[in-house]
């Protein structure tokens, strides 16, 4: 079965419209219909219920989505690997949650890439759930997150600690920082529970975000406060664009490095582990 058929199915499932799917894929609507019909014949199931102005997935169509995503991602990963084989270059795919990239991984990437001659790297930003899924599906070589990814097929190791401090755009107390344009950054599930214990039922954050970069940019532009990693705030403390909030206590968040037990790239992954721990 051609991977294009599964890509077309996923596009129709996303847009719920044959015409829009055709436009997004740069093919005709007739080609979209033909590919969906091909899938329905192959599986012997109706995948979409077609109404005059809308399209709905059947229960069979809903169940097929996960398998189609695996098919597409696995085949694209294989295509990338084979495309590199002519030049004898190997590819390693690494991914982390958005806040990991801001606080830690961005600084490691150039050093890691420089240290590997003959390797190509693919870097991705994924949620914790997708990190786990792509590792198990073998479309990801290594993952970085604030919590260990748990599976018998995976190895998770703590490789670093990230220090978070409450920073503000002006001198202020903790209570003032949490009540005036406070930006809540998602530094993981443990941070969330500890944050509630430490600060209790304060007023709702002015802004919530999954990345320290967004919080930092907002505070520098509009003022406010947030828990931010010292790895990205040092220059702004030096220029007095940011200040430590008086009376606040720092947090430390562990960083976990995860890969498959049976990975064929163990030697390279072990070397990367040593490099990022040195960072």
Protein backbone atom coordinates (compact mmCIF):
# COMPACT_ATOMS: atom_id res chain seq x y z
CA UNK A 1 0.00 0.00 0.00
CA UNK A 2 1.43 3.39 -1.06
CA UNK A 3 2.20 5.68 1.88
CA UNK A 4 0.48 8.50 -0.05
CA UNK A 5 -2.83 6.74 0.54
CA UNK A 6 -2.35 6.89 4.30
CA UNK A 7 -1.20 10.52 4.11
CA UNK A 8 -4.38 11.35 2.22
CA UNK A 9 -6.51 9.54 4.79
CA UNK A 10 -4.88 11.50 7.63
CA UNK A 11 -5.39 14.80 5.81
CA UNK A 12 -9.09 14.10 5.25
CA UNK A 13 -9.42 13.02 8.89
CA UNK A 14 -7.81 16.31 9.96
CA UNK A 15 -9.72 18.67 7.65
CA UNK A 16 -13.00 16.69 7.50
CA UNK A 17 -13.28 17.93 3.93
CA UNK A 18 -12.25 16.26 0.66
CA UNK A 19 -11.77 19.56 -1.17
CA UNK A 20 -9.54 21.13 1.49
CA UNK A 21 -7.56 17.91 1.79
CA UNK A 22 -6.99 17.98 -1.99
CA UNK A 23 -5.79 21.60 -1.83
CA UNK A 24 -3.40 20.87 1.05
CA UNK A 25 -1.96 17.83 -0.76
CA UNK A 26 -1.83 19.57 -4.18
CA UNK A 27 -3.90 16.85 -5.86
CA UNK A 28 -7.39 16.72 -7.32
CA UNK A 29 -10.47 15.98 -5.24
CA UNK A 30 -11.06 12.94 -7.47
CA UNK A 31 -7.63 11.61 -6.49
CA UNK A 32 -8.48 12.05 -2.81
CA UNK A 33 -11.75 10.16 -3.24
CA UNK A 34 -9.99 7.39 -5.16
CA UNK A 35 -7.35 6.94 -2.44
CA UNK A 36 -9.94 6.79 0.34
CA UNK A 37 -11.93 4.26 -1.71
CA UNK A 38 -8.76 2.20 -2.15
CA UNK A 39 -8.29 2.09 1.63
CA UNK A 40 -11.93 1.18 2.24
CA UNK A 41 -11.73 -1.68 -0.24
CA UNK A 42 -8.44 -2.91 1.24
CA UNK A 43 -9.78 -3.00 4.82
CA UNK A 44 -13.36 -3.87 3.88
CA UNK A 45 -14.60 -1.03 6.09
CA UNK A 46 -16.26 2.34 5.59
CA UNK A 47 -13.91 4.98 6.97
CA UNK A 48 -15.98 8.14 6.54
CA UNK A 49 -19.67 8.96 6.70
CA UNK A 50 -20.34 11.52 4.00
CA UNK A 51 -23.02 14.13 4.63
CA UNK A 52 -23.91 17.00 2.33
CA UNK A 53 -21.87 19.60 4.22
CA UNK A 54 -19.67 17.53 6.50
CA UNK A 55 -17.62 14.36 6.80
CA UNK A 56 -17.38 12.24 9.94
CA UNK A 57 -15.04 9.39 10.76
CA UNK A 58 -16.62 6.03 11.42
CA UNK A 59 -15.43 3.99 14.41
CA UNK A 60 -13.19 2.06 11.97
CA UNK A 61 -11.79 5.33 10.67
CA UNK A 62 -11.07 6.54 14.21
CA UNK A 63 -9.16 3.32 14.97
CA UNK A 64 -7.17 3.53 11.73
CA UNK A 65 -5.71 6.97 12.54
CA UNK A 66 -3.09 5.67 14.99
CA UNK A 67 -1.96 2.93 12.58
CA UNK A 68 -1.81 5.37 9.66
CA UNK A 69 0.34 7.78 11.67
CA UNK A 70 2.74 4.96 12.52
CA UNK A 71 2.90 3.87 8.87
CA UNK A 72 3.65 7.38 7.63
CA UNK A 73 6.24 8.27 10.30
CA UNK A 74 8.01 4.91 10.06
CA UNK A 75 8.28 4.97 6.27
CA UNK A 76 9.47 8.60 6.25
CA UNK A 77 12.10 7.74 8.87
CA UNK A 78 13.25 4.80 6.73
CA UNK A 79 13.35 6.98 3.62
CA UNK A 80 15.55 9.53 5.40
CA UNK A 81 17.93 6.81 6.56
CA UNK A 82 18.20 5.25 3.10
CA UNK A 83 18.68 8.63 1.45
CA UNK A 84 21.70 9.17 3.65
CA UNK A 85 23.21 5.76 2.95
CA UNK A 86 24.76 6.78 -0.37
CA UNK A 87 27.06 9.22 1.39
CA UNK A 88 27.64 6.78 4.26
CA UNK A 89 26.05 9.22 6.68
CA UNK A 90 23.98 8.01 9.60
CA UNK A 91 21.08 9.99 11.02
CA UNK A 92 20.22 10.39 14.68
CA UNK A 93 16.88 11.83 15.73
CA UNK A 94 16.65 13.63 19.05
CA UNK A 95 13.67 15.35 20.63
CA UNK A 96 12.68 17.13 23.80
CA UNK A 97 9.74 18.90 25.32
CA UNK A 98 9.48 22.65 24.52
CA UNK A 99 10.77 23.75 27.93
CA UNK A 100 13.74 21.34 27.74
CA UNK A 101 14.89 23.01 24.51
CA UNK A 102 14.70 26.48 26.05
CA UNK A 103 16.39 25.65 29.30
CA UNK A 104 18.98 23.05 28.37
CA UNK A 105 19.01 21.25 25.06
CA UNK A 106 19.47 24.23 22.74
CA UNK A 107 22.89 24.85 24.25
CA UNK A 108 23.90 21.22 23.83
CA UNK A 109 22.83 20.73 20.22
CA UNK A 110 25.69 22.52 18.43
CA UNK A 111 28.33 20.80 20.59
CA UNK A 112 26.76 17.39 20.01
CA UNK A 113 26.50 17.90 16.24
CA UNK A 114 30.11 19.13 16.08
CA UNK A 115 31.39 16.10 17.98
CA UNK A 116 29.94 13.63 15.47
CA UNK A 117 31.64 13.35 12.11
CA UNK A 118 29.58 11.40 9.57
CA UNK A 119 26.25 11.84 11.37
CA UNK A 120 23.27 13.93 10.39
CA UNK A 121 20.94 15.12 13.15
CA UNK A 122 17.23 15.73 13.21
CA UNK A 123 15.95 17.79 16.14
CA UNK A 124 12.28 17.85 17.14
CA UNK A 125 10.06 19.50 19.74
CA UNK A 126 7.47 17.00 21.05
CA UNK A 127 5.16 16.54 24.00
CA UNK A 128 6.09 13.97 26.65
CA UNK A 129 3.41 11.60 25.32
CA UNK A 130 4.78 11.82 21.77
CA UNK A 131 8.35 11.31 22.98
CA UNK A 132 7.32 8.03 24.54
CA UNK A 133 5.31 6.97 21.51
CA UNK A 134 7.99 7.76 18.93
CA UNK A 135 10.66 5.96 20.94
CA UNK A 136 8.51 2.84 21.11
CA UNK A 137 7.74 3.11 17.38
CA UNK A 138 11.48 3.41 16.62
CA UNK A 139 11.08 6.74 14.81
CA UNK A 140 13.09 8.54 17.52
CA UNK A 141 16.54 7.65 18.82
CA UNK A 142 16.69 9.67 22.04
CA UNK A 143 14.45 11.90 24.13
CA UNK A 144 14.90 14.56 26.82
CA UNK A 145 12.20 15.34 29.41
CA UNK A 146 11.71 16.49 33.00
CA UNK A 147 10.21 13.14 34.01
CA UNK A 148 11.54 9.66 33.14
CA UNK A 149 9.70 7.87 30.34
CA UNK A 150 8.59 4.55 31.77
CA UNK A 151 8.51 1.36 29.71
CA UNK A 152 10.31 -1.98 29.89
CA UNK A 153 11.68 -1.22 26.42
CA UNK A 154 13.24 2.10 27.44
CA UNK A 155 16.18 3.28 29.51
CA UNK A 156 15.79 6.61 31.33
CA UNK A 157 18.72 8.26 33.10
CA UNK A 158 19.00 11.50 35.01
CA UNK A 159 21.73 13.52 33.30
CA UNK A 160 21.42 17.06 34.66
CA UNK A 161 19.63 19.52 36.92
CA UNK A 162 18.14 22.79 35.74
CA UNK A 163 17.99 25.59 38.28
CA UNK A 164 14.85 27.74 38.16
CA UNK A 165 14.58 31.11 39.89
CA UNK A 166 11.70 33.54 40.24
CA UNK A 167 12.63 36.50 38.06
CA UNK A 168 10.80 39.79 37.55
CA UNK A 169 11.11 42.87 35.38
CA UNK A 170 11.41 45.08 38.48
CA UNK A 171 12.30 44.81 42.16
CA UNK A 172 9.39 43.19 44.01
CA UNK A 173 8.37 40.71 46.70
CA UNK A 174 7.14 37.16 46.05
CA UNK A 175 3.50 38.16 46.63
CA UNK A 176 3.85 41.06 44.21
CA UNK A 177 5.51 38.87 41.60
CA UNK A 178 2.71 36.28 41.76
CA UNK A 179 -0.09 38.85 41.54
CA UNK A 180 1.23 41.25 38.89
CA UNK A 181 1.51 39.75 35.38
CA UNK A 182 2.77 36.42 36.68
CA UNK A 183 3.58 33.99 33.86
CA UNK A 184 3.22 30.33 34.81
CA UNK A 185 5.63 28.11 32.88
CA UNK A 186 4.95 24.37 32.74
CA UNK A 187 8.16 22.85 34.10
CA UNK A 188 6.63 19.38 34.46
CA UNK A 189 4.05 17.62 36.61
CA UNK A 190 6.20 17.60 39.74
CA UNK A 191 6.78 21.35 39.44
CA UNK A 192 3.02 21.86 39.18
CA UNK A 193 2.30 20.05 42.44
CA UNK A 194 5.23 21.66 44.27
CA UNK A 195 4.21 25.09 42.97
CA UNK A 196 0.72 24.61 44.45
CA UNK A 197 2.21 23.54 47.79
CA UNK A 198 4.68 26.42 47.92
CA UNK A 199 2.42 29.25 46.80
CA UNK A 200 -1.06 27.98 47.73
CA UNK A 201 -4.14 29.55 46.14
CA UNK A 202 -2.71 32.72 44.73
CA UNK A 203 -4.50 34.65 41.98
CA UNK A 204 -4.64 32.96 38.58
CA UNK A 205 -1.55 33.53 36.38
CA UNK A 206 -1.73 36.34 33.86
CA UNK A 207 -0.37 33.94 31.24
CA UNK A 208 0.35 30.20 31.02
CA UNK A 209 2.90 28.74 28.61
CA UNK A 210 4.85 25.55 27.96
CA UNK A 211 8.11 27.32 27.21
CA UNK A 212 10.48 29.54 29.14
CA UNK A 213 11.32 31.41 25.94
CA UNK A 214 7.77 32.70 25.55
CA UNK A 215 7.66 33.72 29.23
CA UNK A 216 10.99 35.53 28.98
CA UNK A 217 10.00 37.43 25.83
CA UNK A 218 6.66 38.45 27.34
CA UNK A 219 8.23 39.71 30.57
CA UNK A 220 10.91 41.70 28.74
CA UNK A 221 8.26 43.32 26.54
CA UNK A 222 5.35 43.79 28.94
CA UNK A 223 6.76 43.31 32.43
CA UNK A 224 5.93 40.60 34.92
CA UNK A 225 7.52 37.61 36.61
CA UNK A 226 8.11 33.88 36.06
CA UNK A 227 10.23 30.96 37.19
CA UNK A 228 13.01 30.85 34.59
CA UNK A 229 16.21 28.81 34.17
CA UNK A 230 19.44 30.54 35.09
CA UNK A 231 20.89 29.26 31.81
CA UNK A 232 18.89 31.86 29.84
CA UNK A 233 18.51 34.74 32.31
CA UNK A 234 22.14 35.64 33.09
CA UNK A 235 22.52 38.27 30.30
CA UNK A 236 19.32 40.05 31.38
CA UNK A 237 20.36 40.13 35.02
CA UNK A 238 23.65 41.73 33.98
CA UNK A 239 21.83 44.50 32.07
CA UNK A 240 19.19 44.90 34.82
CA UNK A 241 16.34 43.94 32.53
CA UNK A 242 15.52 41.19 35.04
CA UNK A 243 15.85 40.97 38.83
CA UNK A 244 15.77 38.15 41.38
CA UNK A 245 12.52 38.32 43.31
CA UNK A 246 13.30 39.11 46.94
CA UNK A 247 12.70 36.22 49.33
CA UNK A 248 12.07 33.61 46.63
CA UNK A 249 13.66 30.18 46.77
CA UNK A 250 15.11 28.46 43.68
CA UNK A 251 13.88 25.15 42.28
CA UNK A 252 15.89 22.38 40.69
CA UNK A 253 14.38 20.28 37.94
CA UNK A 254 16.06 17.03 36.84
CA UNK A 255 16.56 16.29 33.14
CA UNK A 256 16.13 12.69 31.97
CA UNK A 257 17.72 11.14 28.88
CA UNK A 258 15.79 8.21 27.37
CA UNK A 259 16.49 5.71 24.59
CA UNK A 260 15.51 2.17 23.59
CA UNK A 261 17.29 -0.74 25.28
CA UNK A 262 17.75 -2.48 21.93
CA UNK A 263 18.83 0.58 19.95
CA UNK A 264 21.23 -0.13 17.11
CA UNK A 265 22.88 3.26 17.76
CA UNK A 266 23.93 2.53 21.33
CA UNK A 267 27.57 3.57 20.85
CA UNK A 268 26.61 6.98 19.45
CA UNK A 269 23.87 7.49 22.04
CA UNK A 270 26.28 6.66 24.89
CA UNK A 271 28.70 9.27 23.51
CA UNK A 272 25.92 11.86 23.34
CA UNK A 273 24.95 11.01 26.91
CA UNK A 274 28.50 11.77 28.06
CA UNK A 275 28.55 15.04 26.11
CA UNK A 276 25.25 16.37 27.43
CA UNK A 277 26.16 15.42 30.99
CA UNK A 278 29.35 17.45 30.58
CA UNK A 279 27.26 20.44 29.53
